[in-house]
């Protein structure tokens, strides 16, 4: 995942956003959180907008979660101004 171009990562984004709640589940998972963080860092904001929307819906829950907090932090670092505020 670390060496792939953003357009090659689209299949992961599609899989995570296909089923409701899967993005949040991955964000709270010990290893899944790293995948979500990498997607947020490596892909342009329009490509990961559906992921960001799913995370923002449960931001308060993620902020208090051991692994989810790191995903939320990465989103705040890499996201658009609208997503940050």
N, C-alpha and C. Protein backbone atom coordinates (compact mmCIF):
# COMPACT_ATOMS: atom_id res chain seq x y z
N UNK A 1 0.84 -1.20 0.00
CA UNK A 1 0.00 0.00 0.00
C UNK A 1 0.88 1.26 0.00
N UNK A 2 1.99 1.21 0.70
CA UNK A 2 2.85 2.40 0.79
C UNK A 2 3.47 2.79 -0.53
N UNK A 3 3.67 1.85 -1.44
CA UNK A 3 4.35 2.15 -2.70
C UNK A 3 3.39 2.38 -3.87
N UNK A 4 2.11 2.25 -3.63
CA UNK A 4 1.12 2.37 -4.71
C UNK A 4 0.74 3.83 -4.96
N UNK A 5 0.43 4.11 -6.21
CA UNK A 5 -0.04 5.44 -6.60
C UNK A 5 -1.51 5.60 -6.15
N UNK A 6 -1.95 6.84 -5.89
CA UNK A 6 -3.32 7.06 -5.43
C UNK A 6 -4.40 6.41 -6.30
N UNK A 7 -4.23 6.47 -7.61
CA UNK A 7 -5.25 5.88 -8.48
C UNK A 7 -5.30 4.36 -8.34
N UNK A 8 -4.19 3.75 -7.93
CA UNK A 8 -4.16 2.29 -7.72
C UNK A 8 -4.80 1.89 -6.40
N UNK A 9 -5.04 2.86 -5.52
CA UNK A 9 -5.63 2.59 -4.22
C UNK A 9 -7.15 2.68 -4.24
N UNK A 10 -7.71 3.04 -5.37
CA UNK A 10 -9.15 3.25 -5.45
C UNK A 10 -9.95 2.00 -5.08
N UNK A 11 -9.44 0.82 -5.41
CA UNK A 11 -10.18 -0.40 -5.10
C UNK A 11 -10.35 -0.59 -3.59
N UNK A 12 -9.39 -0.13 -2.81
CA UNK A 12 -9.50 -0.22 -1.35
C UNK A 12 -10.58 0.75 -0.86
N UNK A 13 -10.57 1.95 -1.40
CA UNK A 13 -11.58 2.95 -1.04
C UNK A 13 -12.96 2.44 -1.39
N UNK A 14 -13.09 1.86 -2.57
CA UNK A 14 -14.39 1.32 -3.00
C UNK A 14 -14.88 0.23 -2.06
N UNK A 15 -14.00 -0.65 -1.66
CA UNK A 15 -14.38 -1.74 -0.75
C UNK A 15 -14.78 -1.21 0.63
N UNK A 16 -14.05 -0.24 1.14
CA UNK A 16 -14.36 0.31 2.46
C UNK A 16 -15.67 1.08 2.48
N UNK A 17 -15.99 1.73 1.38
CA UNK A 17 -17.19 2.56 1.35
C UNK A 17 -18.41 1.84 0.81
N UNK A 18 -18.22 0.62 0.33
CA UNK A 18 -19.33 -0.14 -0.23
C UNK A 18 -20.35 -0.53 0.84
N UNK A 19 -19.87 -0.90 2.01
CA UNK A 19 -20.75 -1.35 3.09
C UNK A 19 -20.76 -0.30 4.19
N UNK A 20 -21.93 0.10 4.62
CA UNK A 20 -22.06 1.12 5.66
C UNK A 20 -21.39 0.65 6.96
N UNK A 21 -20.61 1.52 7.54
CA UNK A 21 -19.96 1.24 8.81
C UNK A 21 -18.60 0.60 8.70
N UNK A 22 -18.21 0.18 7.51
CA UNK A 22 -16.93 -0.51 7.35
C UNK A 22 -15.74 0.43 7.52
N UNK A 23 -15.88 1.66 7.09
CA UNK A 23 -14.79 2.63 7.27
C UNK A 23 -14.51 2.83 8.75
N UNK A 24 -15.57 3.01 9.52
CA UNK A 24 -15.41 3.23 10.96
C UNK A 24 -14.85 1.98 11.63
N UNK A 25 -15.31 0.83 11.21
CA UNK A 25 -14.80 -0.43 11.75
C UNK A 25 -13.31 -0.55 11.48
N UNK A 26 -12.89 -0.23 10.27
CA UNK A 26 -11.47 -0.29 9.92
C UNK A 26 -10.67 0.75 10.72
N UNK A 27 -11.24 1.94 10.89
CA UNK A 27 -10.55 3.00 11.64
C UNK A 27 -10.32 2.61 13.09
N UNK A 28 -11.17 1.77 13.64
CA UNK A 28 -11.04 1.35 15.03
C UNK A 28 -10.24 0.04 15.18
N UNK A 29 -9.84 -0.54 14.07
CA UNK A 29 -9.10 -1.80 14.11
C UNK A 29 -7.61 -1.54 14.25
N UNK A 30 -6.94 -2.42 14.94
CA UNK A 30 -5.51 -2.29 15.22
C UNK A 30 -4.69 -2.08 13.95
N UNK A 31 -4.97 -2.83 12.91
CA UNK A 31 -4.22 -2.72 11.66
C UNK A 31 -4.99 -1.93 10.60
N UNK A 32 -6.30 -2.02 10.63
CA UNK A 32 -7.11 -1.29 9.67
C UNK A 32 -6.93 0.21 9.77
N UNK A 33 -6.68 0.69 10.98
CA UNK A 33 -6.49 2.13 11.17
C UNK A 33 -5.28 2.63 10.37
N UNK A 34 -4.28 1.79 10.21
CA UNK A 34 -3.09 2.19 9.44
C UNK A 34 -3.40 2.30 7.96
N UNK A 35 -4.25 1.41 7.47
CA UNK A 35 -4.65 1.47 6.06
C UNK A 35 -5.44 2.75 5.80
N UNK A 36 -6.39 3.04 6.68
CA UNK A 36 -7.20 4.25 6.52
C UNK A 36 -6.32 5.49 6.61
N UNK A 37 -5.38 5.52 7.54
CA UNK A 37 -4.48 6.66 7.67
C UNK A 37 -3.67 6.85 6.39
N UNK A 38 -3.18 5.75 5.83
CA UNK A 38 -2.39 5.86 4.60
C UNK A 38 -3.24 6.39 3.45
N UNK A 39 -4.46 5.92 3.34
CA UNK A 39 -5.34 6.42 2.29
C UNK A 39 -5.55 7.92 2.43
N UNK A 40 -5.77 8.38 3.65
CA UNK A 40 -5.99 9.81 3.89
C UNK A 40 -4.75 10.63 3.57
N UNK A 41 -3.59 10.06 3.81
CA UNK A 41 -2.34 10.77 3.56
C UNK A 41 -1.96 10.74 2.07
N UNK A 42 -2.14 9.61 1.41
CA UNK A 42 -1.62 9.42 0.06
C UNK A 42 -2.57 9.88 -1.04
N UNK A 43 -3.85 9.88 -0.79
CA UNK A 43 -4.83 10.19 -1.84
C UNK A 43 -5.31 11.63 -1.73
N UNK A 44 -5.63 12.24 -2.86
CA UNK A 44 -6.16 13.61 -2.82
C UNK A 44 -7.53 13.65 -2.14
N UNK A 45 -7.86 14.75 -1.49
CA UNK A 45 -9.14 14.86 -0.76
C UNK A 45 -10.38 14.46 -1.54
N UNK A 46 -10.52 14.81 -2.82
CA UNK A 46 -11.73 14.37 -3.53
C UNK A 46 -11.85 12.84 -3.62
N UNK A 47 -10.72 12.16 -3.69
CA UNK A 47 -10.74 10.71 -3.81
C UNK A 47 -11.20 10.04 -2.51
N UNK A 48 -10.87 10.64 -1.38
CA UNK A 48 -11.23 10.03 -0.09
C UNK A 48 -12.36 10.77 0.61
N UNK A 49 -13.13 11.55 -0.14
CA UNK A 49 -14.19 12.35 0.48
C UNK A 49 -15.25 11.48 1.15
N UNK A 50 -15.58 10.33 0.56
CA UNK A 50 -16.59 9.44 1.18
C UNK A 50 -16.05 8.86 2.48
N UNK A 51 -14.77 8.56 2.53
CA UNK A 51 -14.16 8.06 3.77
C UNK A 51 -14.22 9.16 4.82
N UNK A 52 -13.83 10.36 4.44
CA UNK A 52 -13.84 11.48 5.39
C UNK A 52 -15.24 11.76 5.92
N UNK A 53 -16.24 11.69 5.07
CA UNK A 53 -17.62 11.91 5.50
C UNK A 53 -18.04 10.87 6.53
N UNK A 54 -17.68 9.62 6.29
CA UNK A 54 -18.02 8.55 7.24
C UNK A 54 -17.33 8.77 8.58
N UNK A 55 -16.09 9.22 8.54
CA UNK A 55 -15.35 9.46 9.78
C UNK A 55 -15.90 10.66 10.54
N UNK A 56 -16.29 11.70 9.82
CA UNK A 56 -16.81 12.90 10.47
C UNK A 56 -18.14 12.64 11.18
N UNK A 57 -18.91 11.70 10.66
CA UNK A 57 -20.20 11.38 11.28
C UNK A 57 -20.03 10.83 12.70
N UNK A 58 -18.90 10.19 12.97
CA UNK A 58 -18.65 9.59 14.29
C UNK A 58 -17.37 10.14 14.91
N UNK A 59 -17.05 11.39 14.61
CA UNK A 59 -15.80 11.98 15.05
C UNK A 59 -15.63 11.95 16.58
N UNK A 60 -16.68 12.21 17.31
CA UNK A 60 -16.56 12.23 18.77
C UNK A 60 -16.25 10.84 19.32
N UNK A 61 -16.81 9.82 18.70
CA UNK A 61 -16.53 8.44 19.10
C UNK A 61 -15.10 8.06 18.74
N UNK A 62 -14.65 8.45 17.55
CA UNK A 62 -13.29 8.13 17.14
C UNK A 62 -12.25 8.84 17.99
N UNK A 63 -12.55 10.06 18.39
CA UNK A 63 -11.60 10.84 19.19
C UNK A 63 -11.28 10.16 20.52
N UNK A 64 -12.21 9.37 21.02
CA UNK A 64 -12.02 8.69 22.30
C UNK A 64 -11.54 7.25 22.14
N UNK A 65 -11.32 6.82 20.92
CA UNK A 65 -10.93 5.44 20.67
C UNK A 65 -9.41 5.34 20.50
N UNK A 66 -8.83 4.27 21.00
CA UNK A 66 -7.38 4.07 20.97
C UNK A 66 -6.82 4.20 19.56
N UNK A 67 -7.39 3.52 18.59
CA UNK A 67 -6.87 3.55 17.23
C UNK A 67 -7.58 4.60 16.37
N UNK A 68 -8.85 4.81 16.62
CA UNK A 68 -9.62 5.77 15.85
C UNK A 68 -9.10 7.19 15.98
N UNK A 69 -8.54 7.52 17.13
CA UNK A 69 -8.02 8.87 17.35
C UNK A 69 -6.88 9.18 16.38
N UNK A 70 -6.07 8.19 16.05
CA UNK A 70 -4.97 8.41 15.11
C UNK A 70 -5.50 8.66 13.70
N UNK A 71 -6.56 7.97 13.34
CA UNK A 71 -7.18 8.18 12.02
C UNK A 71 -7.77 9.58 11.95
N UNK A 72 -8.45 9.99 12.99
CA UNK A 72 -9.03 11.33 13.03
C UNK A 72 -7.94 12.39 12.96
N UNK A 73 -6.85 12.17 13.66
CA UNK A 73 -5.73 13.11 13.63
C UNK A 73 -5.16 13.22 12.21
N UNK A 74 -4.99 12.10 11.53
CA UNK A 74 -4.49 12.11 10.15
C UNK A 74 -5.45 12.85 9.23
N UNK A 75 -6.74 12.67 9.44
CA UNK A 75 -7.72 13.36 8.61
C UNK A 75 -7.62 14.87 8.82
N UNK A 76 -7.42 15.28 10.04
CA UNK A 76 -7.29 16.71 10.32
C UNK A 76 -6.02 17.29 9.72
N UNK A 77 -4.98 16.48 9.62
CA UNK A 77 -3.72 16.93 9.01
C UNK A 77 -3.81 16.98 7.49
N UNK A 78 -4.51 16.03 6.89
CA UNK A 78 -4.51 15.88 5.44
C UNK A 78 -5.79 16.34 4.76
N UNK A 79 -6.83 16.59 5.50
CA UNK A 79 -8.13 16.89 4.91
C UNK A 79 -8.26 18.32 4.40
N UNK A 80 -9.41 18.59 3.85
CA UNK A 80 -9.70 19.92 3.33
C UNK A 80 -10.04 20.84 4.50
N UNK A 81 -10.07 22.12 4.22
CA UNK A 81 -10.42 23.09 5.26
C UNK A 81 -11.82 22.82 5.79
N UNK A 82 -12.74 22.46 4.90
CA UNK A 82 -14.11 22.18 5.29
C UNK A 82 -14.16 20.99 6.27
N UNK A 83 -13.36 19.98 6.01
CA UNK A 83 -13.33 18.80 6.88
C UNK A 83 -12.69 19.11 8.23
N UNK A 84 -11.80 20.07 8.27
CA UNK A 84 -11.10 20.42 9.51
C UNK A 84 -12.02 21.20 10.46
N UNK A 85 -12.96 21.96 9.89
CA UNK A 85 -13.82 22.79 10.73
C UNK A 85 -15.22 22.32 10.59
